[in-house]
Amino acid sequence: MFQSRKDMVYLILAGIFITNAVVAELIGGKLIYIGPYLMSVGILPWPVVFLTTDLINEYFGQKGVKKLSLITACLIAYCFMLLYAALQIPAVKGEGLVTDTQFNGVFGQSMWIIIGSITAFLVSQFIDVSIFHFVKNRTGNKMIWLRSTGSTVISQLFDSFIVLGIAFWMTGKISTSDYIASAFTGYFVKLIIAILLTPLIYLGRSIIEKYIHSK
């Protein structure tokens, strides 16, 4: 039984956060072109992760975000462990059924992609929460847009370079020039998305405030 409405808010935000973070990691091995540059399709769920991270930061502080980030990283690792086990089990052969080749092609991500994804996730989350509260301690409850966008601007720069660096550049899958160009492309896309999401931070905060304080 939840002790307060605030507990329910944390549960909902945590559920949204974990779901989108896990999905982002599962689909992150697919690279797409944005213009002439490569970028991971795993960027698609990250706008929701940005939004929930900032709302959790706002109401539950650094401990709330760090604890949830560690739990999520463990769940991502657990998910990959299950996928690895599933990859070892032969599929039933038959017309219209998913073959081992198809299944492996979708879920058979390399260990370096997994390591890169989890490392980038944890580093960027811890940087994000630190910058968020650094700004909040100096601005109080004002200028939500500054701490929200500012923390994302810095943390996602690290995220973009770490995940591609470990998963694709260090393993020789992409050249140094493609690595730098792709990392910056992904970063700027995330930055644009973060700026566009700013009004949703205010909307989310307004909804949560009404829910928590309503009788």
Foldseek 3Di string as FASTA:
>chain_A
DDPAVVVVVLVVLLVLLLVLLLVLLLQQVDWDDDDNAIEGPSCVSVLSNLLSLLVCCVRPNDVSQLVSLVVSLVVSVVVLVVLVVVLVDADDDDPPDQHSVNSCVRRVADPQLSVLSSVLSNQLSNQLRVQLVVVCVVVPPPDSVCSSLVSLLPSLLSSLLRNCCRRADVVPNDDPVSSVVHSVVSSVVSSVSSNVCSVVSVVVVVVSVCSRPPD
